[in-house]
Amino acid sequence: MEQVEEEAVNMKETIISVKHLVKVYKMGDLEVHALRGISMDVHKSDFVAIMGKSGSGKSTFMNIVGCLDIPTKGEYLLDGVDVGKMNKDQLANLRNKKIGFVFQSFNLLSRTSALENVELPLMYNSKISSKDMKERSIRALESVGLASRAHHFPSQLSGGEQQRVAIARALVNDPVVILADEPTGNLDTRTSVEVMSIFQQLNTKGITVIIVTHEPDIAAYTNRNISFRDGRIQKDLIVEKPRNAAAELLTMPVFKEEETI
């Protein structure tokens, strides 16, 4: 049985492959070793939680995976593309086409509507017409249940709704992977479960999701937990029975939010 499961994993499409990843930051005469030889593969439809204390290397790893930084040594392939051989402009283009980002602080533009915030990544693609841009953005908002709030500004949305707009923005370019950095860090318990329910729904549709979290309760909704310590992988565990966020929401009390304009 174990051999059959291993063969099934090997047949899955590899989205991210890193080998012997090393990152050293130089601070004057001091060298800080943030990553010390990380190797792993992330496959299509994986839902991964990256965990670890401050200074463990998890944020450095996510910056490299997100093409926001480059490793000192090692190899990184994103959807078969060798990231280490790309210049800054190529990296920016790759980020825009292949990666969707979700941040703890939402990172929405306050003076633009939800729809316009979702459209932002598409504005860097001159091949997409304004009509297509709007249609794709509306579909992305529909996928997170916010089509009716498309013309509301961030200040008119709850924290959970703002994070759903951010998820829609991450989806609009049809990325091969979504990277979420502490996506529930600013949310209450029920809203956190709502966000994890959305991620689980997207994951069942074949979208690869990687989140950074320091909360074991949030990591329990994913199907793979990777723990970092001192720049190395300490544990890489499959979650046999992830918590079901949608089912849990049915048993949780609903608190009525203040009306928004």
Protein backbone atom coordinates (compact mmCIF):
# COMPACT_ATOMS: atom_id res chain seq x y z
CA MET A 1 0.00 0.00 0.00
CA GLU A 2 2.80 2.43 0.91
CA GLN A 3 4.50 1.73 -2.42
CA VAL A 4 1.28 2.47 -4.33
CA GLU A 5 0.85 5.79 -2.45
CA GLU A 6 4.47 6.74 -3.16
CA GLU A 7 4.06 5.99 -6.88
CA ALA A 8 0.87 8.10 -6.96
CA VAL A 9 2.79 11.05 -5.45
CA ASN A 10 5.61 10.64 -7.97
CA MET A 11 3.09 10.82 -10.83
CA LYS A 12 1.68 14.15 -9.63
CA GLU A 13 2.79 17.28 -11.43
CA THR A 14 5.59 19.07 -9.59
CA ILE A 15 4.87 22.79 -9.17
CA ILE A 16 7.79 23.75 -6.93
CA SER A 17 11.11 21.94 -6.65
CA VAL A 18 13.95 23.23 -4.49
CA LYS A 19 17.26 21.45 -4.01
CA HIS A 20 19.95 22.29 -1.45
CA LEU A 21 18.63 25.84 -1.03
CA VAL A 22 20.99 28.10 0.91
CA LYS A 23 20.48 31.75 1.81
CA VAL A 24 23.18 33.80 3.53
CA TYR A 25 22.70 37.44 4.45
CA LYS A 26 25.82 39.56 4.99
CA MET A 27 25.59 42.23 7.68
CA GLY A 28 28.98 43.89 7.68
CA ASP A 29 31.48 41.21 8.63
CA LEU A 30 28.71 38.99 9.99
CA GLU A 31 27.06 36.24 7.93
CA VAL A 32 23.54 35.16 8.83
CA HIS A 33 22.59 31.71 7.51
CA ALA A 34 18.82 31.92 7.02
CA LEU A 35 18.51 28.69 5.01
CA ARG A 36 20.92 25.76 5.31
CA GLY A 37 20.25 23.35 2.46
CA ILE A 38 16.47 23.09 2.02
CA SER A 39 15.22 20.44 -0.41
CA MET A 40 11.56 19.66 -1.13
CA ASP A 41 8.96 19.24 -3.85
CA VAL A 42 5.44 20.67 -3.82
CA HIS A 43 2.98 19.02 -6.20
CA LYS A 44 -0.17 20.19 -7.92
CA SER A 45 -3.12 20.23 -5.49
CA ASP A 46 -0.91 20.18 -2.40
CA PHE A 47 -2.11 22.34 0.48
CA VAL A 48 0.99 23.05 2.56
CA ALA A 49 1.50 24.84 5.86
CA ILE A 50 5.01 26.19 6.51
CA MET A 51 5.59 26.51 10.24
CA GLY A 52 8.37 27.56 12.58
CA LYS A 53 9.39 30.12 15.16
CA SER A 54 10.73 33.56 14.28
CA GLY A 55 14.18 33.12 12.76
CA SER A 56 13.51 29.57 11.59
CA GLY A 57 13.85 30.50 7.90
CA LYS A 58 10.23 30.11 6.86
CA SER A 59 9.80 33.74 5.72
CA THR A 60 13.09 33.65 3.80
CA PHE A 61 11.95 30.47 2.11
CA MET A 62 8.61 31.99 1.12
CA ASN A 63 10.35 35.11 -0.25
CA ILE A 64 12.49 32.90 -2.48
CA VAL A 65 9.54 30.75 -3.56
CA GLY A 66 7.63 33.97 -4.31
CA CYS A 67 10.51 35.21 -6.51
CA LEU A 68 10.97 38.19 -4.18
CA ASP A 69 14.51 37.09 -3.31
CA ILE A 70 17.14 34.79 -4.79
CA PRO A 71 19.06 32.02 -3.01
CA THR A 72 22.79 32.20 -2.33
CA LYS A 73 23.14 28.60 -3.49
CA GLY A 74 20.86 25.84 -4.68
CA GLU A 75 18.24 25.26 -7.35
CA TYR A 76 14.66 26.44 -7.56
CA LEU A 77 12.27 25.37 -10.30
CA LEU A 78 8.80 26.94 -10.48
CA ASP A 79 6.47 25.06 -12.82
CA GLY A 80 9.54 23.73 -14.62
CA VAL A 81 11.23 27.15 -14.96
CA ASP A 82 14.73 27.59 -13.49
CA VAL A 83 14.26 30.72 -11.40
CA GLY A 84 17.96 31.08 -10.61
CA LYS A 85 18.77 31.97 -14.22
CA MET A 86 16.34 34.89 -14.46
CA ASN A 87 16.96 38.64 -14.18
CA LYS A 88 14.78 41.07 -12.19
CA ASP A 89 12.40 41.82 -15.06
CA GLN A 90 11.96 38.12 -15.82
CA LEU A 91 11.33 37.40 -12.15
CA ALA A 92 8.69 40.13 -11.98
CA ASN A 93 6.95 38.70 -15.04
CA LEU A 94 7.10 35.19 -13.59
CA ARG A 95 5.65 36.41 -10.28
CA ASN A 96 2.75 38.07 -12.04
CA LYS A 97 1.89 35.05 -14.19
CA LYS A 98 2.60 32.11 -11.90
CA ILE A 99 2.06 33.25 -8.30
CA GLY A 100 -0.87 34.67 -6.38
CA PHE A 101 -0.05 36.43 -3.10
CA VAL A 102 -2.24 36.78 0.00
CA PHE A 103 -0.93 38.82 2.94
CA GLN A 104 -1.87 39.14 6.60
CA SER A 105 -2.60 42.86 6.23
CA PHE A 106 -4.68 42.35 3.02
CA ASN A 107 -2.65 45.02 1.10
CA LEU A 108 -5.69 46.50 -0.63
CA LEU A 109 -5.69 50.00 -2.10
CA SER A 110 -8.05 52.02 0.09
CA ARG A 111 -9.36 54.36 -2.60
CA THR A 112 -10.26 51.71 -5.14
CA SER A 113 -13.20 49.32 -5.16
CA ALA A 114 -12.98 45.59 -4.52
CA LEU A 115 -13.30 44.98 -8.26
CA GLU A 116 -10.51 47.43 -9.08
CA ASN A 117 -8.26 45.86 -6.44
CA VAL A 118 -8.78 42.44 -8.01
CA GLU A 119 -8.03 43.86 -11.48
CA LEU A 120 -4.60 45.16 -10.45
CA PRO A 121 -2.47 42.10 -11.42
CA LEU A 122 -4.10 42.05 -14.87
CA MET A 123 -3.05 45.62 -15.61
CA TYR A 124 0.52 44.42 -16.23
CA ASN A 125 -0.69 42.26 -19.13
CA SER A 126 -1.18 44.39 -22.23
CA LYS A 127 -2.78 41.45 -24.06
CA ILE A 128 -5.89 41.52 -21.87
CA SER A 129 -8.67 43.91 -22.88
CA SER A 130 -10.49 46.01 -20.30
CA LYS A 131 -13.62 43.91 -20.92
CA ASP A 132 -11.79 40.65 -20.26
CA MET A 133 -10.12 42.22 -17.23
CA LYS A 134 -13.48 43.08 -15.70
CA GLU A 135 -15.04 39.70 -16.53
CA ARG A 136 -12.13 37.77 -15.02
CA SER A 137 -12.16 39.92 -11.91
CA ILE A 138 -15.90 39.44 -11.39
CA ARG A 139 -15.44 35.66 -11.74
CA ALA A 140 -12.68 35.77 -9.15
CA LEU A 141 -14.93 37.69 -6.75
CA GLU A 142 -17.73 35.21 -7.40
CA SER A 143 -15.40 32.34 -6.48
CA VAL A 144 -14.97 33.83 -2.99
CA GLY A 145 -18.63 34.82 -2.62
CA LEU A 146 -18.18 38.57 -2.99
CA ALA A 147 -19.66 39.45 -6.38
CA SER A 148 -22.32 41.57 -4.65
CA ARG A 149 -19.60 43.66 -2.95
CA ALA A 150 -17.62 44.38 -6.12
CA HIS A 151 -18.11 48.15 -5.96
CA HIS A 152 -17.51 48.57 -2.24
CA PHE A 153 -14.30 50.11 -0.95
CA PRO A 154 -12.09 48.33 1.61
CA SER A 155 -13.33 50.62 4.39
CA GLN A 156 -16.85 49.36 3.68
CA LEU A 157 -15.85 45.71 4.06
CA SER A 158 -15.23 43.59 7.12
CA GLY A 159 -11.80 42.10 7.75
CA GLY A 160 -12.92 38.74 6.41
CA GLU A 161 -14.36 40.33 3.28
CA GLN A 162 -11.14 42.24 2.69
CA GLN A 163 -9.15 39.02 2.92
CA ARG A 164 -11.54 37.37 0.46
CA VAL A 165 -10.94 40.25 -1.95
CA ALA A 166 -7.21 39.63 -1.52
CA ILE A 167 -7.75 35.94 -2.31
CA ALA A 168 -9.74 36.88 -5.42
CA ARG A 169 -6.88 39.15 -6.49
CA ALA A 170 -4.46 36.24 -6.02
CA LEU A 171 -6.68 34.04 -8.21
CA VAL A 172 -7.37 36.43 -11.09
CA ASN A 173 -4.24 35.55 -13.09
CA ASP A 174 -4.86 31.78 -12.81
CA PRO A 175 -1.58 31.21 -10.93
CA VAL A 176 0.02 27.80 -10.51
CA VAL A 177 0.38 28.43 -6.78
CA ILE A 178 -1.07 30.72 -4.11
CA LEU A 179 1.31 31.88 -1.39
CA ALA A 180 -0.40 33.13 1.76
CA ASP A 181 1.61 34.75 4.56
CA GLU A 182 -0.26 34.48 7.89
CA PRO A 183 -3.60 34.92 6.05
CA THR A 184 -5.65 34.59 9.26
CA GLY A 185 -3.34 36.60 11.51
CA ASN A 186 -5.64 39.65 11.69
CA LEU A 187 -8.93 37.75 11.84
CA ASP A 188 -11.20 36.42 14.57
CA THR A 189 -11.80 32.70 15.01
CA ARG A 190 -14.90 32.31 12.85
CA THR A 191 -13.57 34.52 10.07
CA SER A 192 -10.30 32.56 10.11
CA VAL A 193 -12.26 29.35 9.58
CA GLU A 194 -14.19 31.02 6.73
CA VAL A 195 -10.91 31.93 5.02
CA MET A 196 -9.57 28.40 5.47
CA SER A 197 -12.81 27.06 4.03
CA ILE A 198 -12.21 29.12 0.89
CA PHE A 199 -8.65 27.83 0.62
CA GLN A 200 -9.90 24.26 1.02
CA GLN A 201 -12.52 24.78 -1.69
CA LEU A 202 -9.89 26.20 -4.06
CA ASN A 203 -7.56 23.33 -3.24
CA THR A 204 -10.22 20.72 -4.11
CA LYS A 205 -10.40 22.39 -7.54
CA GLY A 206 -6.72 21.63 -8.08
CA ILE A 207 -5.13 24.90 -6.94
CA THR A 208 -1.85 24.52 -5.05
CA VAL A 209 -1.78 26.54 -1.83
CA ILE A 210 1.13 27.25 0.52
CA ILE A 211 0.55 29.19 3.72
CA VAL A 212 2.90 30.44 6.41
CA THR A 213 1.35 30.18 9.84
CA HIS A 214 2.47 29.93 13.45
CA GLU A 215 -0.91 28.53 14.49
CA PRO A 216 -1.18 24.70 14.70
CA ASP A 217 -4.99 25.02 14.56
CA ILE A 218 -4.74 26.69 11.14
CA ALA A 219 -2.13 24.21 9.87
CA ALA A 220 -4.58 21.41 10.75
CA TYR A 221 -6.77 22.46 7.79
CA THR A 222 -3.97 21.73 5.31
CA ASN A 223 -2.86 18.30 4.06
CA ARG A 224 0.88 18.75 4.64
CA ASN A 225 2.76 20.42 7.49
CA ILE A 226 6.42 21.40 7.06
CA SER A 227 8.23 22.71 10.13
CA PHE A 228 11.38 24.82 9.85
CA ARG A 229 14.05 25.22 12.52
CA ASP A 230 17.39 27.02 12.24
CA GLY A 231 17.17 27.18 8.45
CA ARG A 232 16.47 23.47 8.02
CA ILE A 233 13.39 21.31 7.60
CA GLN A 234 12.69 19.75 10.96
CA LYS A 235 9.52 17.83 10.01
CA ASP A 236 7.56 17.18 6.82
CA LEU A 237 4.31 15.44 7.71
CA ILE A 238 1.22 14.43 5.76
CA VAL A 239 -2.03 15.34 7.52
CA GLU A 240 -4.14 12.21 7.10
CA LYS A 241 -7.44 13.82 8.12
CA PRO A 242 -7.40 17.62 7.72
CA ARG A 243 -10.03 19.56 9.64
CA ASN A 244 -13.07 20.39 7.50
CA ALA A 245 -13.57 24.15 7.69
CA ALA A 246 -16.93 24.17 5.91
CA ALA A 247 -18.36 21.57 8.29
CA GLU A 248 -17.05 23.42 11.34
CA LEU A 249 -18.67 26.68 10.20
CA LEU A 250 -22.09 25.01 10.44
CA THR A 251 -21.60 24.53 14.17
CA MET A 252 -20.10 27.94 14.95
CA PRO A 253 -22.16 30.93 16.16
CA VAL A 254 -22.61 33.82 13.75
CA PHE A 255 -22.01 37.29 15.10
CA LYS A 256 -23.80 40.02 13.21
CA GLU A 257 -21.35 42.65 11.97
CA GLU A 258 -22.07 46.33 11.93
CA GLU A 259 -23.77 47.48 8.78
CA THR A 260 -21.47 48.96 6.11
CA ILE A 261 -22.45 51.68 3.73
